[in-house]
N, C-alpha and C. Protein backbone atom coordinates (compact mmCIF):
# COMPACT_ATOMS: atom_id res chain seq x y z
N MET A 1 0.83 -1.15 0.01
CA MET A 1 -0.01 0.02 -0.07
C MET A 1 0.79 1.29 -0.01
N ILE A 2 0.55 2.24 -0.84
CA ILE A 2 1.25 3.46 -0.96
C ILE A 2 0.69 4.43 -0.16
N GLU A 3 1.54 5.28 0.68
CA GLU A 3 1.02 6.38 1.47
C GLU A 3 1.57 7.68 0.89
N SER A 4 0.74 8.74 1.00
CA SER A 4 1.17 10.03 0.57
C SER A 4 1.06 11.03 1.72
N VAL A 5 2.06 11.88 1.87
CA VAL A 5 2.12 13.08 2.83
C VAL A 5 2.58 14.29 2.15
N VAL A 6 1.95 15.31 2.68
CA VAL A 6 2.48 16.76 2.24
C VAL A 6 2.96 17.50 3.46
N LEU A 7 4.22 17.71 3.48
CA LEU A 7 5.03 18.42 4.55
C LEU A 7 5.12 19.77 4.30
N THR A 8 5.03 20.74 5.43
CA THR A 8 5.30 22.05 5.21
C THR A 8 6.91 22.37 5.55
N VAL A 9 7.69 22.82 4.61
CA VAL A 9 9.01 23.04 4.68
C VAL A 9 9.24 24.43 4.50
N THR A 10 9.30 25.36 5.49
CA THR A 10 9.22 26.86 5.43
C THR A 10 10.45 27.47 5.02
N ASP A 11 11.60 26.91 4.91
CA ASP A 11 12.74 27.62 4.69
C ASP A 11 13.40 27.20 3.30
N MET A 12 12.65 26.69 2.38
CA MET A 12 13.18 26.53 1.01
C MET A 12 13.06 27.92 0.38
N LYS A 13 13.97 28.30 -0.32
CA LYS A 13 14.14 29.70 -1.01
C LYS A 13 14.10 29.71 -2.44
N CYS A 14 14.50 28.62 -3.08
CA CYS A 14 14.75 28.62 -4.53
C CYS A 14 14.62 27.19 -5.07
N GLY A 15 14.75 27.21 -6.44
CA GLY A 15 14.72 25.88 -7.20
C GLY A 15 15.84 24.92 -6.74
N GLY A 16 17.00 25.47 -6.31
CA GLY A 16 18.08 24.56 -5.97
C GLY A 16 17.61 23.95 -4.49
N CYS A 17 16.79 24.57 -3.65
CA CYS A 17 16.37 24.00 -2.49
C CYS A 17 15.42 22.84 -2.84
N GLU A 18 14.64 23.04 -3.73
CA GLU A 18 13.68 21.98 -4.30
C GLU A 18 14.49 20.78 -4.85
N THR A 19 15.50 21.10 -5.68
CA THR A 19 16.33 19.86 -6.13
C THR A 19 16.97 19.24 -5.13
N ASN A 20 17.59 19.89 -4.17
CA ASN A 20 18.28 19.30 -3.05
C ASN A 20 17.45 18.33 -2.24
N ILE A 21 16.22 18.83 -1.83
CA ILE A 21 15.34 17.99 -1.12
C ILE A 21 14.91 16.60 -1.95
N THR A 22 14.54 17.15 -3.18
CA THR A 22 13.97 16.00 -4.02
C THR A 22 15.05 14.84 -4.17
N GLY A 23 16.24 15.32 -4.44
CA GLY A 23 17.46 14.31 -4.78
C GLY A 23 17.70 13.41 -3.43
N LYS A 24 17.75 14.11 -2.35
CA LYS A 24 17.81 13.39 -1.03
C LYS A 24 16.73 12.38 -0.86
N LEU A 25 15.45 12.67 -0.84
CA LEU A 25 14.36 12.07 -0.62
C LEU A 25 14.27 10.77 -1.80
N GLU A 26 14.61 11.03 -2.90
CA GLU A 26 14.54 10.02 -3.96
C GLU A 26 15.48 8.92 -3.78
N ALA A 27 16.58 9.14 -2.91
CA ALA A 27 17.67 8.16 -2.66
C ALA A 27 17.21 7.23 -1.57
N ILE A 28 16.10 7.50 -0.98
CA ILE A 28 15.57 6.69 0.20
C ILE A 28 14.83 5.50 -0.38
N ASN A 29 15.31 4.19 -0.11
CA ASN A 29 14.46 3.07 -0.51
C ASN A 29 13.09 3.07 -0.02
N GLY A 30 12.19 2.97 -0.97
CA GLY A 30 10.82 3.03 -0.57
C GLY A 30 9.97 4.35 -0.91
N VAL A 31 10.81 5.38 -1.22
CA VAL A 31 10.17 6.59 -1.77
C VAL A 31 9.82 6.46 -3.27
N ILE A 32 8.59 6.66 -3.57
CA ILE A 32 8.16 6.62 -4.95
C ILE A 32 8.09 7.77 -5.72
N SER A 33 7.82 9.03 -5.24
CA SER A 33 7.81 10.20 -5.92
C SER A 33 7.93 11.25 -4.91
N VAL A 34 8.47 12.29 -5.35
CA VAL A 34 8.70 13.55 -4.56
C VAL A 34 8.37 14.73 -5.38
N LYS A 35 7.64 15.73 -4.98
CA LYS A 35 7.39 16.97 -5.55
C LYS A 35 7.62 17.94 -4.57
N ALA A 36 8.53 19.04 -4.65
CA ALA A 36 8.95 19.97 -3.83
C ALA A 36 8.60 21.34 -4.41
N SER A 37 8.04 22.22 -3.63
CA SER A 37 7.61 23.55 -4.27
C SER A 37 8.19 24.68 -3.15
N PHE A 38 9.10 25.42 -3.54
CA PHE A 38 9.57 26.43 -2.57
C PHE A 38 8.50 27.60 -2.60
N LYS A 39 7.74 27.82 -3.65
CA LYS A 39 6.66 28.89 -3.70
C LYS A 39 5.59 28.60 -2.54
N GLU A 40 5.19 27.22 -2.66
CA GLU A 40 4.05 26.76 -1.67
C GLU A 40 4.59 26.25 -0.35
N LYS A 41 6.00 26.17 -0.24
CA LYS A 41 6.70 25.72 0.97
C LYS A 41 6.14 24.50 1.47
N GLU A 42 6.05 23.54 0.35
CA GLU A 42 5.47 22.28 0.57
C GLU A 42 6.33 20.95 -0.16
N VAL A 43 6.43 19.92 0.43
CA VAL A 43 7.05 18.79 -0.07
C VAL A 43 5.94 17.65 -0.25
N SER A 44 5.68 17.07 -1.19
CA SER A 44 4.71 16.05 -1.32
C SER A 44 5.59 14.80 -1.69
N VAL A 45 5.26 13.70 -0.96
CA VAL A 45 6.05 12.43 -0.93
C VAL A 45 4.95 11.30 -1.05
N GLU A 46 5.17 10.40 -2.04
CA GLU A 46 4.44 9.06 -2.02
C GLU A 46 5.65 8.04 -1.61
N TYR A 47 5.24 7.12 -0.63
CA TYR A 47 6.31 6.14 -0.18
C TYR A 47 5.70 4.96 0.20
N ASP A 48 6.29 3.86 0.27
CA ASP A 48 5.93 2.47 0.72
C ASP A 48 6.30 2.35 2.20
N PRO A 49 5.29 2.41 3.08
CA PRO A 49 5.63 2.41 4.51
C PRO A 49 6.20 1.01 4.88
N GLU A 50 6.25 0.00 4.06
CA GLU A 50 6.80 -1.23 4.33
C GLU A 50 8.27 -1.17 4.15
N LYS A 51 8.78 -0.02 3.46
CA LYS A 51 10.28 0.18 3.16
C LYS A 51 10.87 1.41 3.74
N THR A 52 10.08 2.40 4.23
CA THR A 52 10.53 3.46 4.90
C THR A 52 9.43 4.03 5.73
N THR A 53 9.87 4.93 6.60
CA THR A 53 8.90 5.59 7.51
C THR A 53 8.72 7.21 7.31
N LEU A 54 7.62 7.73 7.77
CA LEU A 54 7.59 9.15 7.70
C LEU A 54 8.69 9.85 8.49
N ASP A 55 9.12 9.31 9.58
CA ASP A 55 10.14 9.78 10.39
C ASP A 55 11.52 9.78 9.71
N THR A 56 11.74 8.93 8.82
CA THR A 56 12.85 8.81 7.94
C THR A 56 12.87 9.95 6.99
N ILE A 57 11.71 10.20 6.47
CA ILE A 57 11.53 11.24 5.29
C ILE A 57 11.68 12.59 6.02
N LYS A 58 11.26 12.87 7.18
CA LYS A 58 11.37 14.06 7.93
C LYS A 58 12.86 14.31 8.42
N ASP A 59 13.49 13.26 9.05
CA ASP A 59 14.92 13.20 9.33
C ASP A 59 15.77 13.71 8.13
N THR A 60 15.46 13.01 6.93
CA THR A 60 16.37 13.39 5.85
C THR A 60 16.25 14.85 5.27
N ILE A 61 15.02 15.37 5.56
CA ILE A 61 14.68 16.84 5.16
C ILE A 61 15.57 17.69 6.17
N THR A 62 15.33 17.44 7.39
CA THR A 62 16.11 18.02 8.51
C THR A 62 17.59 18.01 8.33
N SER A 63 18.01 16.83 7.98
CA SER A 63 19.56 16.58 7.77
C SER A 63 20.05 17.41 6.68
N ALA A 64 19.24 17.78 5.66
CA ALA A 64 19.50 18.55 4.42
C ALA A 64 19.70 20.11 4.90
N GLY A 65 19.30 20.42 6.14
CA GLY A 65 19.30 21.76 6.54
C GLY A 65 17.95 22.62 6.47
N PHE A 66 16.92 21.77 6.40
CA PHE A 66 15.61 22.55 6.31
C PHE A 66 14.71 22.10 7.52
N THR A 67 13.68 22.86 7.67
CA THR A 67 12.79 22.63 8.86
C THR A 67 11.51 22.27 8.37
N VAL A 68 11.03 21.11 9.02
CA VAL A 68 9.73 20.48 8.76
C VAL A 68 8.86 20.82 9.74
N LYS A 69 7.65 21.52 9.44
CA LYS A 69 6.65 21.94 10.31
C LYS A 69 5.64 20.91 10.60
């Protein structure tokens, strides 16, 4: 079963931030798709909860230097 989540990431400032977050999340086993928008301050993620967790996704964004609300 696939799960979807939309996270608020308030400190993305540009397309480079989107690319950075997208690349790091796509590298996680179990992440199916990522759409980051600095204009909307959101990151949408589809993932397989049998392979990864929401906490792993949030921790990856935080480790990249961004804040997840």
